[in-house]
N, C-alpha and C. Protein backbone atom coordinates (compact mmCIF):
# COMPACT_ATOMS: atom_id res chain seq x y z
N MET A 1 0.85 -1.19 0.00
CA MET A 1 0.00 0.00 0.00
C MET A 1 0.89 1.24 0.00
N LYS A 2 0.51 2.23 -0.78
CA LYS A 2 1.29 3.47 -0.88
C LYS A 2 1.00 4.38 0.29
N ASN A 3 2.05 5.15 0.69
CA ASN A 3 1.82 6.13 1.73
C ASN A 3 1.22 7.39 1.11
N SER A 4 0.80 8.34 1.95
CA SER A 4 0.10 9.53 1.45
C SER A 4 0.98 10.39 0.55
N ASN A 5 2.30 10.46 0.81
CA ASN A 5 3.19 11.24 -0.05
C ASN A 5 3.29 10.64 -1.44
N GLU A 6 3.37 9.30 -1.52
CA GLU A 6 3.42 8.64 -2.83
C GLU A 6 2.11 8.86 -3.59
N SER A 7 0.99 8.77 -2.89
CA SER A 7 -0.31 8.98 -3.53
C SER A 7 -0.43 10.41 -4.04
N ARG A 8 0.01 11.39 -3.23
CA ARG A 8 -0.04 12.79 -3.64
C ARG A 8 0.84 13.00 -4.88
N ASN A 9 2.04 12.41 -4.88
CA ASN A 9 2.94 12.53 -6.02
C ASN A 9 2.33 11.90 -7.27
N ASP A 10 1.65 10.74 -7.11
CA ASP A 10 0.98 10.11 -8.24
C ASP A 10 -0.10 11.03 -8.81
N CYS A 11 -0.88 11.67 -7.92
CA CYS A 11 -1.94 12.58 -8.37
C CYS A 11 -1.35 13.77 -9.13
N LEU A 12 -0.27 14.33 -8.61
CA LEU A 12 0.37 15.46 -9.28
C LEU A 12 0.91 15.04 -10.64
N LEU A 13 1.51 13.86 -10.70
CA LEU A 13 2.04 13.35 -11.96
C LEU A 13 0.91 13.16 -12.98
N TRP A 14 -0.19 12.56 -12.55
CA TRP A 14 -1.32 12.35 -13.47
C TRP A 14 -1.91 13.67 -13.93
N ASP A 15 -1.99 14.64 -13.02
CA ASP A 15 -2.50 15.95 -13.40
C ASP A 15 -1.63 16.55 -14.50
N ARG A 16 -0.33 16.52 -14.32
CA ARG A 16 0.59 17.06 -15.34
C ARG A 16 0.47 16.28 -16.65
N LYS A 17 0.40 14.96 -16.57
CA LYS A 17 0.31 14.14 -17.77
C LYS A 17 -0.98 14.43 -18.53
N LEU A 18 -2.10 14.51 -17.82
CA LEU A 18 -3.37 14.77 -18.50
C LEU A 18 -3.41 16.16 -19.12
N ARG A 19 -2.87 17.14 -18.41
CA ARG A 19 -2.81 18.50 -18.97
C ARG A 19 -1.94 18.53 -20.23
N GLY A 20 -0.80 17.85 -20.18
CA GLY A 20 0.08 17.78 -21.35
C GLY A 20 -0.58 17.07 -22.50
N PHE A 21 -1.29 15.99 -22.20
CA PHE A 21 -2.01 15.23 -23.22
C PHE A 21 -3.07 16.09 -23.88
N PHE A 22 -3.85 16.81 -23.07
CA PHE A 22 -4.90 17.67 -23.61
C PHE A 22 -4.29 18.79 -24.45
N LYS A 23 -3.22 19.37 -23.96
CA LYS A 23 -2.56 20.46 -24.70
C LYS A 23 -2.09 19.99 -26.06
N ALA A 24 -1.49 18.80 -26.11
CA ALA A 24 -1.02 18.26 -27.39
C ALA A 24 -2.18 18.03 -28.35
N PHE A 25 -3.29 17.48 -27.86
CA PHE A 25 -4.42 17.21 -28.74
C PHE A 25 -5.17 18.48 -29.14
N SER A 26 -5.10 19.50 -28.33
CA SER A 26 -5.84 20.72 -28.64
C SER A 26 -5.03 21.72 -29.47
N GLU A 27 -3.76 21.42 -29.67
CA GLU A 27 -2.87 22.39 -30.33
C GLU A 27 -3.36 22.80 -31.72
N GLU A 28 -3.83 21.85 -32.52
CA GLU A 28 -4.27 22.18 -33.88
C GLU A 28 -5.44 23.16 -33.90
N PHE A 29 -6.49 22.88 -33.15
CA PHE A 29 -7.62 23.81 -33.20
C PHE A 29 -7.33 25.10 -32.46
N ARG A 30 -6.44 25.06 -31.47
CA ARG A 30 -6.04 26.33 -30.83
C ARG A 30 -5.35 27.21 -31.87
N ARG A 31 -4.48 26.60 -32.66
CA ARG A 31 -3.78 27.35 -33.70
C ARG A 31 -4.77 27.85 -34.77
N ASP A 32 -5.67 26.97 -35.22
CA ASP A 32 -6.65 27.33 -36.26
C ASP A 32 -7.55 28.48 -35.84
N TYR A 33 -7.90 28.52 -34.55
CA TYR A 33 -8.82 29.54 -34.05
C TYR A 33 -8.10 30.66 -33.29
N GLY A 34 -6.80 30.61 -33.21
CA GLY A 34 -6.03 31.65 -32.52
C GLY A 34 -6.30 31.70 -31.03
N LEU A 35 -6.42 30.53 -30.41
CA LEU A 35 -6.75 30.46 -28.99
C LEU A 35 -5.54 30.07 -28.15
N LYS A 36 -5.57 30.48 -26.90
CA LYS A 36 -4.56 30.09 -25.92
C LYS A 36 -5.18 29.03 -25.00
N GLN A 37 -4.35 28.39 -24.21
CA GLN A 37 -4.84 27.37 -23.30
C GLN A 37 -5.89 27.94 -22.33
N ILE A 38 -5.66 29.15 -21.83
CA ILE A 38 -6.62 29.75 -20.91
C ILE A 38 -7.97 29.96 -21.58
N ASP A 39 -7.96 30.26 -22.90
CA ASP A 39 -9.21 30.44 -23.63
C ASP A 39 -10.02 29.15 -23.61
N LEU A 40 -9.33 28.03 -23.82
CA LEU A 40 -10.03 26.74 -23.80
C LEU A 40 -10.60 26.44 -22.42
N GLU A 41 -9.83 26.75 -21.39
CA GLU A 41 -10.33 26.52 -20.04
C GLU A 41 -11.58 27.34 -19.77
N ILE A 42 -11.61 28.56 -20.26
CA ILE A 42 -12.80 29.42 -20.10
C ILE A 42 -13.97 28.85 -20.89
N LEU A 43 -13.72 28.46 -22.14
CA LEU A 43 -14.80 27.91 -22.97
C LEU A 43 -15.37 26.64 -22.37
N PHE A 44 -14.50 25.76 -21.87
CA PHE A 44 -14.98 24.54 -21.21
C PHE A 44 -15.83 24.90 -20.00
N TYR A 45 -15.34 25.81 -19.18
CA TYR A 45 -16.09 26.17 -17.98
C TYR A 45 -17.46 26.73 -18.34
N LEU A 46 -17.50 27.64 -19.31
CA LEU A 46 -18.77 28.26 -19.68
C LEU A 46 -19.71 27.29 -20.38
N HIS A 47 -19.16 26.30 -21.05
CA HIS A 47 -20.03 25.30 -21.66
C HIS A 47 -20.78 24.52 -20.58
N TYR A 48 -20.06 24.13 -19.54
CA TYR A 48 -20.67 23.33 -18.48
C TYR A 48 -21.32 24.17 -17.38
N ASN A 49 -21.02 25.46 -17.36
CA ASN A 49 -21.61 26.40 -16.40
C ASN A 49 -22.03 27.63 -17.21
N PRO A 50 -23.19 27.56 -17.87
CA PRO A 50 -23.57 28.54 -18.89
C PRO A 50 -23.57 30.01 -18.48
N LYS A 51 -23.66 30.31 -17.23
CA LYS A 51 -23.64 31.72 -16.79
C LYS A 51 -22.72 31.83 -15.59
N ALA A 52 -21.61 32.57 -15.78
CA ALA A 52 -20.63 32.66 -14.70
C ALA A 52 -19.94 34.01 -14.72
N SER A 53 -19.55 34.46 -13.54
CA SER A 53 -18.79 35.71 -13.42
C SER A 53 -17.29 35.39 -13.49
N ILE A 54 -16.49 36.43 -13.68
CA ILE A 54 -15.04 36.23 -13.69
C ILE A 54 -14.58 35.66 -12.35
N GLY A 55 -15.12 36.16 -11.26
CA GLY A 55 -14.74 35.66 -9.93
C GLY A 55 -15.02 34.18 -9.77
N GLU A 56 -16.20 33.74 -10.23
CA GLU A 56 -16.56 32.33 -10.14
C GLU A 56 -15.61 31.47 -10.97
N ILE A 57 -15.33 31.91 -12.19
CA ILE A 57 -14.42 31.15 -13.05
C ILE A 57 -13.03 31.11 -12.43
N SER A 58 -12.58 32.24 -11.91
CA SER A 58 -11.26 32.31 -11.29
C SER A 58 -11.16 31.34 -10.12
N ARG A 59 -12.15 31.34 -9.24
CA ARG A 59 -12.14 30.45 -8.07
C ARG A 59 -12.17 28.98 -8.48
N ASN A 60 -13.08 28.64 -9.38
CA ASN A 60 -13.29 27.24 -9.72
C ASN A 60 -12.23 26.66 -10.65
N GLN A 61 -11.57 27.51 -11.40
CA GLN A 61 -10.54 27.04 -12.34
C GLN A 61 -9.13 27.37 -11.85
N SER A 62 -9.02 28.03 -10.71
CA SER A 62 -7.72 28.45 -10.16
C SER A 62 -6.93 29.26 -11.18
N LEU A 63 -7.61 30.25 -11.77
CA LEU A 63 -6.99 31.12 -12.76
C LEU A 63 -6.82 32.51 -12.19
N ASN A 64 -5.72 33.17 -12.53
CA ASN A 64 -5.44 34.53 -12.12
C ASN A 64 -6.48 35.47 -12.73
N LYS A 65 -7.09 36.33 -11.90
CA LYS A 65 -8.15 37.23 -12.37
C LYS A 65 -7.68 38.17 -13.47
N GLY A 66 -6.44 38.65 -13.38
CA GLY A 66 -5.92 39.56 -14.40
C GLY A 66 -5.80 38.88 -15.76
N GLN A 67 -5.20 37.70 -15.77
CA GLN A 67 -5.07 36.94 -17.02
C GLN A 67 -6.45 36.53 -17.53
N LEU A 68 -7.30 36.14 -16.62
CA LEU A 68 -8.65 35.73 -16.97
C LEU A 68 -9.42 36.88 -17.60
N SER A 69 -9.33 38.05 -17.03
CA SER A 69 -10.02 39.22 -17.56
C SER A 69 -9.55 39.55 -18.97
N LEU A 70 -8.25 39.51 -19.18
CA LEU A 70 -7.70 39.78 -20.51
C LEU A 70 -8.18 38.74 -21.52
N ALA A 71 -8.12 37.47 -21.14
CA ALA A 71 -8.56 36.40 -22.04
C ALA A 71 -10.05 36.53 -22.35
N MET A 72 -10.86 36.88 -21.35
CA MET A 72 -12.30 37.01 -21.57
C MET A 72 -12.60 38.19 -22.49
N THR A 73 -11.85 39.26 -22.36
CA THR A 73 -12.02 40.41 -23.26
C THR A 73 -11.74 39.99 -24.69
N GLU A 74 -10.67 39.23 -24.91
CA GLU A 74 -10.32 38.76 -26.25
C GLU A 74 -11.38 37.79 -26.79
N LEU A 75 -11.86 36.88 -25.94
CA LEU A 75 -12.91 35.95 -26.38
C LEU A 75 -14.19 36.71 -26.75
N LYS A 76 -14.48 37.75 -26.00
CA LYS A 76 -15.66 38.57 -26.29
C LYS A 76 -15.48 39.30 -27.62
N GLU A 77 -14.29 39.89 -27.84
CA GLU A 77 -14.01 40.59 -29.09
C GLU A 77 -14.06 39.65 -30.30
N ASN A 78 -13.69 38.39 -30.08
CA ASN A 78 -13.73 37.40 -31.17
C ASN A 78 -15.11 36.75 -31.34
N GLY A 79 -16.07 37.15 -30.52
CA GLY A 79 -17.44 36.68 -30.67
C GLY A 79 -17.74 35.33 -30.06
N TYR A 80 -16.86 34.81 -29.21
CA TYR A 80 -17.10 33.50 -28.61
C TYR A 80 -17.88 33.57 -27.30
N ILE A 81 -17.79 34.68 -26.60
CA ILE A 81 -18.55 34.84 -25.37
C ILE A 81 -19.22 36.21 -25.37
N ASP A 82 -20.23 36.34 -24.54
CA ASP A 82 -20.92 37.61 -24.37
C ASP A 82 -21.17 37.80 -22.88
N ALA A 83 -21.50 39.02 -22.51
CA ALA A 83 -21.71 39.32 -21.10
C ALA A 83 -22.98 40.13 -20.92
N ILE A 84 -23.64 39.90 -19.79
CA ILE A 84 -24.80 40.69 -19.39
C ILE A 84 -24.58 41.10 -17.94
N GLU A 85 -25.28 42.14 -17.51
CA GLU A 85 -25.18 42.55 -16.11
C GLU A 85 -25.84 41.51 -15.22
N SER A 86 -25.25 41.29 -14.08
CA SER A 86 -25.83 40.39 -13.10
C SER A 86 -27.13 40.99 -12.58
N GLU A 87 -28.15 40.16 -12.45
CA GLU A 87 -29.42 40.63 -11.90
C GLU A 87 -29.29 40.92 -10.40
N GLN A 88 -28.41 40.16 -9.71
CA GLN A 88 -28.23 40.33 -8.28
C GLN A 88 -27.37 41.55 -7.94
N ASP A 89 -26.38 41.83 -8.78
CA ASP A 89 -25.46 42.93 -8.49
C ASP A 89 -24.97 43.53 -9.81
N LYS A 90 -25.45 44.70 -10.13
CA LYS A 90 -25.18 45.34 -11.42
C LYS A 90 -23.69 45.64 -11.66
N ARG A 91 -22.87 45.54 -10.61
CA ARG A 91 -21.43 45.77 -10.77
C ARG A 91 -20.74 44.61 -11.48
N TYR A 92 -21.39 43.45 -11.53
CA TYR A 92 -20.77 42.25 -12.07
C TYR A 92 -21.35 41.89 -13.42
N GLN A 93 -20.47 41.34 -14.27
CA GLN A 93 -20.88 40.82 -15.57
C GLN A 93 -21.02 39.30 -15.47
N ILE A 94 -22.02 38.77 -16.14
CA ILE A 94 -22.21 37.33 -16.21
C ILE A 94 -21.93 36.93 -17.66
N TYR A 95 -21.02 35.98 -17.83
CA TYR A 95 -20.57 35.57 -19.16
C TYR A 95 -21.24 34.28 -19.59
N HIS A 96 -21.41 34.15 -20.90
CA HIS A 96 -21.96 32.93 -21.49
C HIS A 96 -21.42 32.78 -22.91
N LEU A 97 -21.50 31.56 -23.43
CA LEU A 97 -21.06 31.30 -24.80
C LEU A 97 -22.05 31.87 -25.80
N THR A 98 -21.55 32.28 -26.96
CA THR A 98 -22.40 32.77 -28.04
C THR A 98 -22.65 31.65 -29.04
N PRO A 99 -23.63 31.83 -29.93
CA PRO A 99 -23.83 30.84 -30.99
C PRO A 99 -22.57 30.63 -31.85
N ALA A 100 -21.77 31.66 -32.00
CA ALA A 100 -20.53 31.54 -32.78
C ALA A 100 -19.56 30.53 -32.16
N ALA A 101 -19.69 30.31 -30.86
CA ALA A 101 -18.80 29.36 -30.19
C ALA A 101 -19.20 27.91 -30.47
N GLU A 102 -20.40 27.69 -31.01
CA GLU A 102 -20.88 26.32 -31.25
C GLU A 102 -20.00 25.55 -32.24
N LYS A 103 -19.60 26.20 -33.34
CA LYS A 103 -18.73 25.54 -34.32
C LYS A 103 -17.41 25.15 -33.66
N LEU A 104 -16.88 26.05 -32.90
CA LEU A 104 -15.64 25.79 -32.18
C LEU A 104 -15.86 24.64 -31.19
N TRP A 105 -16.99 24.65 -30.48
CA TRP A 105 -17.27 23.61 -29.50
C TRP A 105 -17.34 22.23 -30.15
N GLU A 106 -17.91 22.16 -31.36
CA GLU A 106 -17.98 20.88 -32.08
C GLU A 106 -16.57 20.34 -32.33
N ARG A 107 -15.66 21.22 -32.69
CA ARG A 107 -14.28 20.81 -32.93
C ARG A 107 -13.62 20.39 -31.61
N ILE A 108 -13.90 21.09 -30.55
CA ILE A 108 -13.35 20.73 -29.24
C ILE A 108 -13.85 19.34 -28.84
N VAL A 109 -15.13 19.09 -29.03
CA VAL A 109 -15.71 17.79 -28.67
C VAL A 109 -15.07 16.68 -29.50
N ALA A 110 -14.88 16.91 -30.79
CA ALA A 110 -14.25 15.90 -31.64
C ALA A 110 -12.85 15.58 -31.15
N SER A 111 -12.10 16.60 -30.77
CA SER A 111 -10.76 16.39 -30.24
C SER A 111 -10.82 15.64 -28.91
N LYS A 112 -11.79 16.01 -28.09
CA LYS A 112 -11.96 15.36 -26.79
C LYS A 112 -12.27 13.86 -26.98
N MET A 113 -13.07 13.54 -27.98
CA MET A 113 -13.41 12.14 -28.25
C MET A 113 -12.16 11.37 -28.72
N GLN A 114 -11.35 12.00 -29.53
CA GLN A 114 -10.09 11.38 -29.95
C GLN A 114 -9.20 11.12 -28.74
N MET A 115 -9.13 12.10 -27.86
CA MET A 115 -8.34 11.95 -26.64
C MET A 115 -8.85 10.78 -25.83
N ARG A 116 -10.15 10.71 -25.65
CA ARG A 116 -10.74 9.64 -24.85
C ARG A 116 -10.42 8.28 -25.45
N ASP A 117 -10.56 8.17 -26.78
CA ASP A 117 -10.27 6.90 -27.43
C ASP A 117 -8.82 6.49 -27.24
N ARG A 118 -7.92 7.45 -27.30
CA ARG A 118 -6.50 7.14 -27.11
C ARG A 118 -6.23 6.75 -25.66
N LEU A 119 -6.89 7.41 -24.71
CA LEU A 119 -6.70 7.07 -23.30
C LEU A 119 -7.16 5.65 -22.99
N TYR A 120 -8.21 5.20 -23.67
CA TYR A 120 -8.76 3.87 -23.43
C TYR A 120 -8.12 2.79 -24.29
N ASP A 121 -7.10 3.12 -25.05
CA ASP A 121 -6.44 2.15 -25.91
C ASP A 121 -5.97 0.96 -25.07
N GLY A 122 -6.36 -0.24 -25.47
CA GLY A 122 -5.96 -1.45 -24.76
C GLY A 122 -6.88 -1.86 -23.62
N PHE A 123 -7.88 -1.03 -23.29
CA PHE A 123 -8.84 -1.38 -22.24
C PHE A 123 -9.91 -2.31 -22.80
N THR A 124 -10.33 -3.26 -22.00
CA THR A 124 -11.51 -4.05 -22.37
C THR A 124 -12.74 -3.21 -22.05
N ASP A 125 -13.90 -3.60 -22.57
CA ASP A 125 -15.14 -2.88 -22.26
C ASP A 125 -15.40 -2.89 -20.76
N GLU A 126 -15.10 -4.01 -20.11
CA GLU A 126 -15.32 -4.12 -18.67
C GLU A 126 -14.38 -3.18 -17.90
N GLU A 127 -13.11 -3.13 -18.28
CA GLU A 127 -12.16 -2.23 -17.63
C GLU A 127 -12.57 -0.78 -17.81
N ARG A 128 -13.00 -0.45 -18.99
CA ARG A 128 -13.45 0.92 -19.28
C ARG A 128 -14.65 1.29 -18.41
N ALA A 129 -15.62 0.39 -18.32
CA ALA A 129 -16.81 0.65 -17.51
C ALA A 129 -16.43 0.80 -16.03
N THR A 130 -15.54 -0.04 -15.55
CA THR A 130 -15.09 0.04 -14.16
C THR A 130 -14.38 1.36 -13.90
N PHE A 131 -13.48 1.72 -14.81
CA PHE A 131 -12.75 2.98 -14.66
C PHE A 131 -13.71 4.16 -14.64
N GLU A 132 -14.67 4.20 -15.57
CA GLU A 132 -15.62 5.31 -15.62
C GLU A 132 -16.47 5.37 -14.35
N LYS A 133 -16.82 4.22 -13.80
CA LYS A 133 -17.58 4.18 -12.55
C LYS A 133 -16.75 4.78 -11.41
N LEU A 134 -15.48 4.42 -11.35
CA LEU A 134 -14.60 4.94 -10.30
C LEU A 134 -14.38 6.44 -10.46
N VAL A 135 -14.22 6.91 -11.68
CA VAL A 135 -14.03 8.34 -11.92
C VAL A 135 -15.27 9.12 -11.50
N ARG A 136 -16.46 8.59 -11.80
CA ARG A 136 -17.70 9.27 -11.37
C ARG A 136 -17.77 9.32 -9.85
N ARG A 137 -17.36 8.25 -9.18
CA ARG A 137 -17.38 8.22 -7.72
C ARG A 137 -16.40 9.25 -7.15
N ILE A 138 -15.20 9.32 -7.73
CA ILE A 138 -14.22 10.32 -7.30
C ILE A 138 -14.78 11.72 -7.54
N GLY A 139 -15.39 11.93 -8.70
CA GLY A 139 -16.00 13.23 -9.01
C GLY A 139 -17.07 13.61 -7.99
N ALA A 140 -17.90 12.65 -7.62
CA ALA A 140 -18.94 12.91 -6.62
C ALA A 140 -18.31 13.26 -5.27
N ASN A 141 -17.22 12.57 -4.92
CA ASN A 141 -16.53 12.88 -3.66
C ASN A 141 -15.93 14.28 -3.71
N ILE A 142 -15.37 14.66 -4.84
CA ILE A 142 -14.83 16.02 -4.99
C ILE A 142 -15.94 17.05 -4.85
N ASP A 143 -17.05 16.82 -5.53
CA ASP A 143 -18.19 17.76 -5.42
C ASP A 143 -18.65 17.89 -3.98
N LYS A 144 -18.74 16.77 -3.28
CA LYS A 144 -19.17 16.79 -1.88
C LYS A 144 -18.20 17.59 -1.02
N MET A 145 -16.90 17.38 -1.21
CA MET A 145 -15.90 18.13 -0.43
C MET A 145 -15.96 19.62 -0.74
N LEU A 146 -16.16 19.96 -2.00
CA LEU A 146 -16.24 21.39 -2.36
C LEU A 146 -17.49 22.04 -1.75
N GLU A 147 -18.59 21.31 -1.73
CA GLU A 147 -19.81 21.83 -1.11
C GLU A 147 -19.61 22.06 0.39
N GLU A 148 -18.92 21.16 1.02
CA GLU A 148 -18.66 21.28 2.46
C GLU A 148 -17.80 22.49 2.78
N LYS A 149 -16.94 22.88 1.85
CA LYS A 149 -16.05 24.03 2.07
C LYS A 149 -16.77 25.36 1.89
N GLN A 150 -17.92 25.36 1.25
CA GLN A 150 -18.64 26.61 0.99
C GLN A 150 -19.50 27.02 2.13
């Protein structure tokens, strides 16, 4: 059985490997659309969280607010995101994806599917199902811990 330091190191290693893997697979469409890695992180977040403020994105994605603000301005100028005033507090903008982002999203999804297929290379259907079940359980545990912190 691994000790907690070994487990933490394994998690950090996997995080780096998965980020590197995603970056390599996303490089072509990032180049085609003139996007940076932070742009993709914003687009992913807004796709799964259709209305979000810069503060919310910054907290949940661990992104620097200054860099995030600059990237969001560029995404807005390029027509991928739009902003409206928050109904709760007029000082804040709420961002969402535009219809123009849909074509880009289709390309992102296609790349994501290629990534998934490569990650599962050599897995049996049973191993894949078991892995996906475990990942969902870990995700639920993460969600629970994050809720407890709020």
